[in-house]
C-alpha atoms as a PDB file:
ATOM      1  CA  MET A   1      45.709 -50.308  42.927  1.00  0.00           C
ATOM      2  CA  SER A   2      48.451 -48.034  41.786  1.00  0.00           C
ATOM      3  CA  LEU A   3      48.891 -44.311  42.339  1.00  0.00           C
ATOM      4  CA  LEU A   4      51.696 -44.269  39.832  1.00  0.00           C
ATOM      5  CA  PRO A   5      50.123 -45.914  36.512  1.00  0.00           C
ATOM      6  CA  SER A   6      52.431 -43.519  34.463  1.00  0.00           C
ATOM      7  CA  LEU A   7      55.491 -45.205  35.540  1.00  0.00           C
ATOM      8  CA  THR A   8      57.081 -48.438  34.276  1.00  0.00           C
ATOM      9  CA  PRO A   9      55.434 -51.419  35.804  1.00  0.00           C
ATOM     10  CA  ASP A  10      57.376 -53.160  38.637  1.00  0.00           C
ATOM     11  CA  CYS A  11      59.240 -50.036  39.111  1.00  0.00           C
ATOM     12  CA  SER A  12      61.981 -49.348  41.629  1.00  0.00           C
ATOM     13  CA  VAL A  13      61.757 -46.239  43.908  1.00  0.00           C
ATOM     14  CA  ALA A  14      63.901 -44.483  46.576  1.00  0.00           C
ATOM     15  CA  VAL A  15      62.660 -42.379  49.414  1.00  0.00           C
ATOM     16  CA  ILE A  16      65.370 -40.281  51.110  1.00  0.00           C
ATOM     17  CA  GLY A  17      64.218 -39.106  54.560  1.00  0.00           C
ATOM     18  CA  ALA A  18      62.288 -42.289  55.185  1.00  0.00           C
ATOM     19  CA  SER A  19      62.241 -41.922  59.036  1.00  0.00           C
ATOM     20  CA  GLY A  20      60.405 -38.624  58.989  1.00  0.00           C
ATOM     21  CA  GLY A  21      56.652 -38.290  59.112  1.00  0.00           C
ATOM     22  CA  ILE A  22      55.993 -37.660  55.356  1.00  0.00           C
ATOM     23  CA  GLY A  23      58.951 -39.844  54.387  1.00  0.00           C
ATOM     24  CA  ARG A  24      57.567 -42.878  56.205  1.00  0.00           C
ATOM     25  CA  ALA A  25      54.247 -42.262  54.691  1.00  0.00           C
ATOM     26  CA  PHE A  26      55.676 -42.290  51.186  1.00  0.00           C
ATOM     27  CA  VAL A  27      57.482 -45.547  51.931  1.00  0.00           C
ATOM     28  CA  GLU A  28      54.311 -47.260  53.271  1.00  0.00           C
ATOM     29  CA  LEU A  29      52.162 -46.127  50.336  1.00  0.00           C
ATOM     30  CA  LEU A  30      54.879 -47.011  47.706  1.00  0.00           C
ATOM     31  CA  ALA A  31      55.311 -50.432  49.297  1.00  0.00           C
ATOM     32  CA  ALA A  32      51.641 -51.157  49.075  1.00  0.00           C
ATOM     33  CA  ASP A  33      51.374 -49.904  45.503  1.00  0.00           C
ATOM     34  CA  THR A  34      50.787 -52.650  42.897  1.00  0.00           C
ATOM     35  CA  ALA A  35      53.275 -50.873  40.380  1.00  0.00           C
ATOM     36  CA  VAL A  36      56.176 -50.871  42.718  1.00  0.00           C
ATOM     37  CA  ALA A  37      58.532 -53.764  43.064  1.00  0.00           C
ATOM     38  CA  ARG A  38      61.143 -52.383  45.427  1.00  0.00           C
ATOM     39  CA  VAL A  39      61.351 -49.469  47.722  1.00  0.00           C
ATOM     40  CA  HIS A  40      64.606 -48.203  48.953  1.00  0.00           C
ATOM     41  CA  ALA A  41      64.092 -46.302  52.312  1.00  0.00           C
ATOM     42  CA  PHE A  42      66.990 -44.165  53.285  1.00  0.00           C
ATOM     43  CA  SER A  43      67.382 -42.293  56.424  1.00  0.00           C
ATOM     44  CA  ARG A  44      70.006 -40.719  58.566  1.00  0.00           C
ATOM     45  CA  SER A  45      69.181 -43.082  61.451  1.00  0.00           C
ATOM     46  CA  PRO A  46      68.145 -46.699  61.050  1.00  0.00           C
ATOM     47  CA  ALA A  47      64.429 -47.146  60.293  1.00  0.00           C
ATOM     48  CA  SER A  48      62.490 -50.324  60.208  1.00  0.00           C
ATOM     49  CA  PHE A  49      59.506 -51.307  57.938  1.00  0.00           C
ATOM     50  CA  GLU A  50      57.514 -54.496  58.082  1.00  0.00           C
ATOM     51  CA  ASP A  51      56.768 -54.780  54.205  1.00  0.00           C
ATOM     52  CA  ARG A  52      59.240 -57.152  52.339  1.00  0.00           C
ATOM     53  CA  ALA A  53      59.282 -54.733  49.453  1.00  0.00           C
ATOM     54  CA  VAL A  54      61.130 -52.101  51.563  1.00  0.00           C
ATOM     55  CA  ARG A  55      65.037 -52.099  51.789  1.00  0.00           C
ATOM     56  CA  SER A  56      66.001 -49.865  54.525  1.00  0.00           C
ATOM     57  CA  SER A  57      69.418 -48.268  54.590  1.00  0.00           C
ATOM     58  CA  VAL A  58      71.335 -45.383  56.180  1.00  0.00           C
ATOM     59  CA  LEU A  59      72.105 -42.212  54.212  1.00  0.00           C
ATOM     60  CA  ASP A  60      73.572 -38.911  55.554  1.00  0.00           C
ATOM     61  CA  LEU A  61      72.663 -36.164  53.011  1.00  0.00           C
ATOM     62  CA  THR A  62      75.394 -33.938  54.548  1.00  0.00           C
ATOM     63  CA  ASP A  63      78.053 -36.506  53.482  1.00  0.00           C
ATOM     64  CA  GLU A  64      78.537 -36.927  49.696  1.00  0.00           C
ATOM     65  CA  ALA A  65      80.364 -40.242  50.121  1.00  0.00           C
ATOM     66  CA  SER A  66      77.162 -41.628  51.881  1.00  0.00           C
ATOM     67  CA  VAL A  67      74.975 -40.297  49.170  1.00  0.00           C
ATOM     68  CA  LYS A  68      77.072 -41.879  46.429  1.00  0.00           C
ATOM     69  CA  GLN A  69      77.029 -45.258  48.255  1.00  0.00           C
ATOM     70  CA  ALA A  70      73.346 -45.061  48.676  1.00  0.00           C
ATOM     71  CA  ALA A  71      72.804 -44.430  45.089  1.00  0.00           C
ATOM     72  CA  GLU A  72      75.066 -47.352  44.029  1.00  0.00           C
ATOM     73  CA  PHE A  73      73.287 -49.594  46.619  1.00  0.00           C
ATOM     74  CA  ALA A  74      69.798 -48.634  45.192  1.00  0.00           C
ATOM     75  CA  THR A  75      70.671 -49.547  41.747  1.00  0.00           C
ATOM     76  CA  GLN A  76      72.410 -52.882  42.124  1.00  0.00           C
ATOM     77  CA  ASP A  77      69.324 -54.698  40.782  1.00  0.00           C
ATOM     78  CA  GLY A  78      68.462 -52.041  38.066  1.00  0.00           C
ATOM     79  CA  PRO A  79      67.752 -48.318  37.625  1.00  0.00           C
ATOM     80  CA  LEU A  80      65.409 -46.286  39.657  1.00  0.00           C
ATOM     81  CA  ASP A  81      62.039 -44.790  38.387  1.00  0.00           C
ATOM     82  CA  LEU A  82      61.231 -42.462  41.151  1.00  0.00           C
ATOM     83  CA  VAL A  83      63.330 -40.739  43.757  1.00  0.00           C
ATOM     84  CA  ILE A  84      61.707 -38.498  46.518  1.00  0.00           C
ATOM     85  CA  VAL A  85      63.886 -36.434  48.800  1.00  0.00           C
ATOM     86  CA  ALA A  86      61.535 -35.871  51.917  1.00  0.00           C
ATOM     87  CA  THR A  87      64.049 -34.283  54.164  1.00  0.00           C
ATOM     88  CA  GLY A  88      64.215 -30.842  55.844  1.00  0.00           C
ATOM     89  CA  ILE A  89      65.053 -28.764  58.880  1.00  0.00           C
ATOM     90  CA  LEU A  90      63.150 -25.846  60.254  1.00  0.00           C
ATOM     91  CA  HIS A  91      63.894 -25.998  64.003  1.00  0.00           C
ATOM     92  CA  ARG A  92      65.791 -27.999  66.448  1.00  0.00           C
ATOM     93  CA  ASP A  93      65.959 -27.445  70.280  1.00  0.00           C
ATOM     94  CA  PRO A  94      67.913 -25.620  71.571  1.00  0.00           C
ATOM     95  CA  ASP A  95      69.973 -24.141  68.733  1.00  0.00           C
ATOM     96  CA  ILE A  96      67.862 -23.708  65.685  1.00  0.00           C
ATOM     97  CA  SER A  97      64.521 -21.893  65.329  1.00  0.00           C
ATOM     98  CA  PRO A  98      62.917 -19.763  62.614  1.00  0.00           C
ATOM     99  CA  GLU A  99      64.139 -16.154  62.732  1.00  0.00           C
ATOM    100  CA  LYS A 100      61.469 -13.467  63.597  1.00  0.00           C
ATOM    101  CA  THR A 101      63.772 -10.523  62.649  1.00  0.00           C
ATOM    102  CA  MET A 102      67.199  -9.908  61.143  1.00  0.00           C
ATOM    103  CA  LYS A 103      68.570  -9.656  64.769  1.00  0.00           C
ATOM    104  CA  ASP A 104      68.121 -13.370  65.029  1.00  0.00           C
ATOM    105  CA  LEU A 105      70.358 -14.195  62.104  1.00  0.00           C
ATOM    106  CA  ASP A 106      73.230 -16.469  62.883  1.00  0.00           C
ATOM    107  CA  ALA A 107      75.867 -17.671  60.354  1.00  0.00           C
ATOM    108  CA  ALA A 108      76.174 -21.125  61.672  1.00  0.00           C
ATOM    109  CA  THR A 109      72.500 -21.771  61.835  1.00  0.00           C
ATOM    110  CA  MET A 110      72.063 -20.425  58.282  1.00  0.00           C
ATOM    111  CA  ALA A 111      74.814 -22.701  56.987  1.00  0.00           C
ATOM    112  CA  GLU A 112      73.320 -25.719  58.632  1.00  0.00           C
ATOM    113  CA  VAL A 113      69.862 -25.087  57.421  1.00  0.00           C
ATOM    114  CA  ILE A 114      71.022 -24.532  53.763  1.00  0.00           C
ATOM    115  CA  ALA A 115      73.194 -27.616  54.013  1.00  0.00           C
ATOM    116  CA  VAL A 116      70.375 -29.794  54.891  1.00  0.00           C
ATOM    117  CA  ASN A 117      67.560 -28.127  52.861  1.00  0.00           C
ATOM    118  CA  THR A 118      69.437 -27.386  49.743  1.00  0.00           C
ATOM    119  CA  ILE A 119      72.957 -28.819  49.395  1.00  0.00           C
ATOM    120  CA  GLY A 120      71.723 -32.255  50.490  1.00  0.00           C
ATOM    121  CA  PRO A 121      69.162 -32.524  47.866  1.00  0.00           C
ATOM    122  CA  ALA A 122      71.551 -31.286  45.303  1.00  0.00           C
ATOM    123  CA  LEU A 123      73.997 -34.041  46.097  1.00  0.00           C
ATOM    124  CA  ALA A 124      71.206 -36.517  45.872  1.00  0.00           C
ATOM    125  CA  ALA A 125      70.383 -35.366  42.431  1.00  0.00           C
ATOM    126  CA  LYS A 126      74.063 -35.465  41.384  1.00  0.00           C
ATOM    127  CA  HIS A 127      74.367 -39.139  42.303  1.00  0.00           C
ATOM    128  CA  PHE A 128      70.832 -40.532  41.884  1.00  0.00           C
ATOM    129  CA  LEU A 129      69.709 -38.804  38.487  1.00  0.00           C
ATOM    130  CA  PRO A 130      72.421 -40.576  36.391  1.00  0.00           C
ATOM    131  CA  ARG A 131      71.165 -43.939  37.698  1.00  0.00           C
ATOM    132  CA  MET A 132      67.538 -43.485  36.775  1.00  0.00           C
ATOM    133  CA  ARG A 133      65.805 -45.505  33.915  1.00  0.00           C
ATOM    134  CA  ARG A 134      66.229 -44.360  30.422  1.00  0.00           C
ATOM    135  CA  GLY A 135      63.507 -44.411  27.714  1.00  0.00           C
ATOM    136  CA  SER A 136      60.410 -43.996  30.058  1.00  0.00           C
ATOM    137  CA  LYS A 137      59.031 -41.594  32.495  1.00  0.00           C
ATOM    138  CA  THR A 138      61.108 -41.063  35.558  1.00  0.00           C
ATOM    139  CA  VAL A 139      60.576 -38.582  38.443  1.00  0.00           C
ATOM    140  CA  PHE A 140      63.016 -36.959  40.843  1.00  0.00           C
ATOM    141  CA  ALA A 141      61.240 -34.728  43.405  1.00  0.00           C
ATOM    142  CA  ALA A 142      62.114 -33.004  46.604  1.00  0.00           C
ATOM    143  CA  LEU A 143      59.907 -31.460  49.383  1.00  0.00           C
ATOM    144  CA  SER A 144      60.023 -27.718  49.278  1.00  0.00           C
ATOM    145  CA  ALA A 145      57.628 -25.280  50.892  1.00  0.00           C
ATOM    146  CA  ARG A 146      55.351 -22.516  49.929  1.00  0.00           C
ATOM    147  CA  VAL A 147      57.292 -20.145  52.096  1.00  0.00           C
ATOM    148  CA  GLY A 148      60.256 -20.704  49.596  1.00  0.00           C
ATOM    149  CA  SER A 149      58.330 -18.826  47.023  1.00  0.00           C
ATOM    150  CA  ILE A 150      59.815 -15.371  46.584  1.00  0.00           C
ATOM    151  CA  SER A 151      56.765 -13.952  44.849  1.00  0.00           C
ATOM    152  CA  ASP A 152      54.434 -15.237  47.671  1.00  0.00           C
ATOM    153  CA  ASN A 153      56.563 -13.752  50.581  1.00  0.00           C
ATOM    154  CA  ARG A 154      54.403 -11.162  52.115  1.00  0.00           C
ATOM    155  CA  LEU A 155      55.046 -11.695  55.919  1.00  0.00           C
ATOM    156  CA  GLY A 156      58.925 -11.969  56.029  1.00  0.00           C
ATOM    157  CA  GLY A 157      60.745 -13.653  58.812  1.00  0.00           C
ATOM    158  CA  TRP A 158      61.932 -17.327  58.707  1.00  0.00           C
ATOM    159  CA  THR A 159      64.907 -16.050  56.615  1.00  0.00           C
ATOM    160  CA  SER A 160      67.113 -19.261  56.671  1.00  0.00           C
ATOM    161  CA  TYR A 161      64.291 -21.626  55.840  1.00  0.00           C
ATOM    162  CA  ARG A 162      62.887 -19.294  53.188  1.00  0.00           C
ATOM    163  CA  MET A 163      66.356 -18.882  51.643  1.00  0.00           C
ATOM    164  CA  SER A 164      67.104 -22.691  51.797  1.00  0.00           C
ATOM    165  CA  LYS A 165      63.775 -23.615  50.029  1.00  0.00           C
ATOM    166  CA  ALA A 166      64.141 -20.892  47.382  1.00  0.00           C
ATOM    167  CA  ALA A 167      67.565 -22.137  46.683  1.00  0.00           C
ATOM    168  CA  LEU A 168      66.303 -25.614  46.508  1.00  0.00           C
ATOM    169  CA  ASN A 169      63.729 -24.606  43.910  1.00  0.00           C
ATOM    170  CA  MET A 170      66.371 -22.842  41.815  1.00  0.00           C
ATOM    171  CA  MET A 171      68.630 -25.920  41.997  1.00  0.00           C
ATOM    172  CA  LEU A 172      65.751 -28.202  40.812  1.00  0.00           C
ATOM    173  CA  ARG A 173      64.714 -25.898  37.986  1.00  0.00           C
ATOM    174  CA  THR A 174      68.517 -25.502  36.878  1.00  0.00           C
ATOM    175  CA  LEU A 175      68.958 -29.383  36.921  1.00  0.00           C
ATOM    176  CA  ALA A 176      65.625 -30.007  35.069  1.00  0.00           C
ATOM    177  CA  ILE A 177      66.945 -27.760  32.147  1.00  0.00           C
ATOM    178  CA  GLU A 178      70.246 -29.737  32.088  1.00  0.00           C
ATOM    179  CA  GLN A 179      68.455 -33.134  32.394  1.00  0.00           C
ATOM    180  CA  GLY A 180      65.982 -32.125  29.704  1.00  0.00           C
ATOM    181  CA  ARG A 181      68.700 -32.189  27.168  1.00  0.00           C
ATOM    182  CA  LEU A 182      70.088 -35.535  28.360  1.00  0.00           C
ATOM    183  CA  ARG A 183      66.962 -37.396  29.263  1.00  0.00           C
ATOM    184  CA  PRO A 184      63.929 -35.745  28.061  1.00  0.00           C
ATOM    185  CA  ASP A 185      61.567 -38.325  29.819  1.00  0.00           C
ATOM    186  CA  THR A 186      62.658 -37.268  33.287  1.00  0.00           C
ATOM    187  CA  VAL A 187      60.475 -35.052  35.476  1.00  0.00           C
ATOM    188  CA  ILE A 188      61.965 -32.923  38.172  1.00  0.00           C
ATOM    189  CA  ALA A 189      59.730 -31.177  40.599  1.00  0.00           C
ATOM    190  CA  ALA A 190      59.699 -29.207  43.803  1.00  0.00           C
ATOM    191  CA  LEU A 191      56.701 -30.130  46.012  1.00  0.00           C
ATOM    192  CA  HIS A 192      54.735 -28.266  48.697  1.00  0.00           C
ATOM    193  CA  PRO A 193      53.049 -30.889  50.970  1.00  0.00           C
ATOM    194  CA  GLY A 194      50.897 -28.416  52.870  1.00  0.00           C
ATOM    195  CA  THR A 195      51.150 -28.094  56.641  1.00  0.00           C
ATOM    196  CA  VAL A 196      51.436 -31.733  57.833  1.00  0.00           C
ATOM    197  CA  ASP A 197      50.981 -32.911  61.369  1.00  0.00           C
ATOM    198  CA  THR A 198      54.731 -33.758  61.957  1.00  0.00           C
ATOM    199  CA  GLY A 199      57.499 -32.630  64.291  1.00  0.00           C
ATOM    200  CA  LEU A 200      58.666 -30.077  61.836  1.00  0.00           C
ATOM    201  CA  SER A 201      55.274 -28.238  62.066  1.00  0.00           C
ATOM    202  CA  ALA A 202      54.479 -29.013  65.590  1.00  0.00           C
ATOM    203  CA  PRO A 203      55.401 -25.636  67.244  1.00  0.00           C
ATOM    204  CA  PHE A 204      53.340 -23.674  64.615  1.00  0.00           C
ATOM    205  CA  GLN A 205      50.169 -25.528  64.289  1.00  0.00           C
ATOM    206  CA  LYS A 206      47.977 -23.223  66.425  1.00  0.00           C
ATOM    207  CA  ARG A 207      47.842 -20.922  63.405  1.00  0.00           C
ATOM    208  CA  VAL A 208      46.701 -23.419  60.842  1.00  0.00           C
ATOM    209  CA  PRO A 209      43.148 -22.987  59.723  1.00  0.00           C
ATOM    210  CA  ASP A 210      40.583 -25.750  60.318  1.00  0.00           C
ATOM    211  CA  GLY A 211      40.961 -28.663  57.769  1.00  0.00           C
ATOM    212  CA  LYS A 212      44.419 -27.393  56.637  1.00  0.00           C
ATOM    213  CA  LEU A 213      46.497 -29.566  59.027  1.00  0.00           C
ATOM    214  CA  PHE A 214      47.094 -32.771  57.121  1.00  0.00           C
ATOM    215  CA  THR A 215      48.107 -36.342  58.128  1.00  0.00           C
ATOM    216  CA  PRO A 216      51.392 -37.432  56.571  1.00  0.00           C
ATOM    217  CA  ARG A 217      49.498 -40.195  54.766  1.00  0.00           C
ATOM    218  CA  TYR A 218      47.054 -37.736  53.309  1.00  0.00           C
ATOM    219  CA  SER A 219      49.761 -35.470  52.041  1.00  0.00           C
ATOM    220  CA  ALA A 220      52.031 -38.138  50.588  1.00  0.00           C
ATOM    221  CA  GLU A 221      49.144 -39.715  48.884  1.00  0.00           C
ATOM    222  CA  ARG A 222      48.184 -36.471  47.342  1.00  0.00           C
ATOM    223  CA  LEU A 223      51.635 -35.708  46.200  1.00  0.00           C
ATOM    224  CA  LEU A 224      52.134 -39.157  44.560  1.00  0.00           C
ATOM    225  CA  GLN A 225      48.937 -38.391  42.577  1.00  0.00           C
ATOM    226  CA  VAL A 226      50.384 -35.036  41.518  1.00  0.00           C
ATOM    227  CA  LEU A 227      53.694 -36.704  40.450  1.00  0.00           C
ATOM    228  CA  ASP A 228      51.799 -39.248  38.383  1.00  0.00           C
ATOM    229  CA  GLN A 229      50.085 -36.493  36.440  1.00  0.00           C
ATOM    230  CA  LEU A 230      53.181 -34.524  35.653  1.00  0.00           C
ATOM    231  CA  GLN A 231      54.629 -34.765  32.084  1.00  0.00           C
ATOM    232  CA  ALA A 232      58.008 -33.817  30.700  1.00  0.00           C
ATOM    233  CA  ALA A 233      56.683 -30.222  29.998  1.00  0.00           C
ATOM    234  CA  ASP A 234      56.132 -29.718  33.652  1.00  0.00           C
ATOM    235  CA  THR A 235      59.769 -30.559  34.685  1.00  0.00           C
ATOM    236  CA  GLY A 236      61.503 -27.969  36.777  1.00  0.00           C
ATOM    237  CA  GLY A 237      58.056 -26.828  38.191  1.00  0.00           C
ATOM    238  CA  PHE A 238      56.945 -26.114  41.699  1.00  0.00           C
ATOM    239  CA  PHE A 239      53.671 -27.894  42.629  1.00  0.00           C
ATOM    240  CA  ALA A 240      51.372 -27.973  45.672  1.00  0.00           C
ATOM    241  CA  TYR A 241      49.697 -31.142  47.134  1.00  0.00           C
ATOM    242  CA  ASP A 242      46.526 -30.260  45.162  1.00  0.00           C
ATOM    243  CA  GLY A 243      48.232 -30.152  41.853  1.00  0.00           C
ATOM    244  CA  SER A 244      48.352 -26.397  41.578  1.00  0.00           C
ATOM    245  CA  ARG A 245      51.540 -24.634  40.275  1.00  0.00           C
ATOM    246  CA  ILE A 246      53.249 -22.371  42.674  1.00  0.00           C
ATOM    247  CA  GLU A 247      55.150 -19.353  41.377  1.00  0.00           C
ATOM    248  CA  PHE A 248      58.836 -19.175  42.285  1.00  0.00           C
END
């Protein structure tokens, strides 16, 4: 069974952030997918997977040389059909936490959050997009978050995280326009995975309504189904796990 029938058979995919909760779920689902021949699983720290279809490698998104090397490694045997950037930072004890008010703003914290959530995926796009297959549907997607929607911001707070995801959405939209001129079969998308039971959401799960805290596997499976349904006309869009479009 395949979650990605719209892609070329025996396709090659890459997951960046493979050691995280959602990233690992993507790798496991893709490795079991009958349409996928190879899965390149990249993470900052070494990650191991049992499936022989998975090739695990180290990639540091904050180091452009590392990103370039990873892109070259992933395409030694041919072009890529799908790239998913499943990285992100919201908090890290003891020095990074979501701001509650403007008094909590800190320049170094803001710079690091933007480096990981925005600049890293941009560098991945720079080096991976030119190495994707020509002449058939390909997809480059990155995990964003609904709180990165400017029009949906009604609560305030979480300034650095909101900024970084809004900037990520703009980056993806901008590159989608450029890529549309060069390779019209490419779909570039920002994805909202919902609230997923991972370390990123752990401190904030008490506020999640019943039935809205997803397992990583559930979220990853739904997002793959969304990506399979997207067409060239959808490129540059921002989509939730249920396929609905989110306003920027």
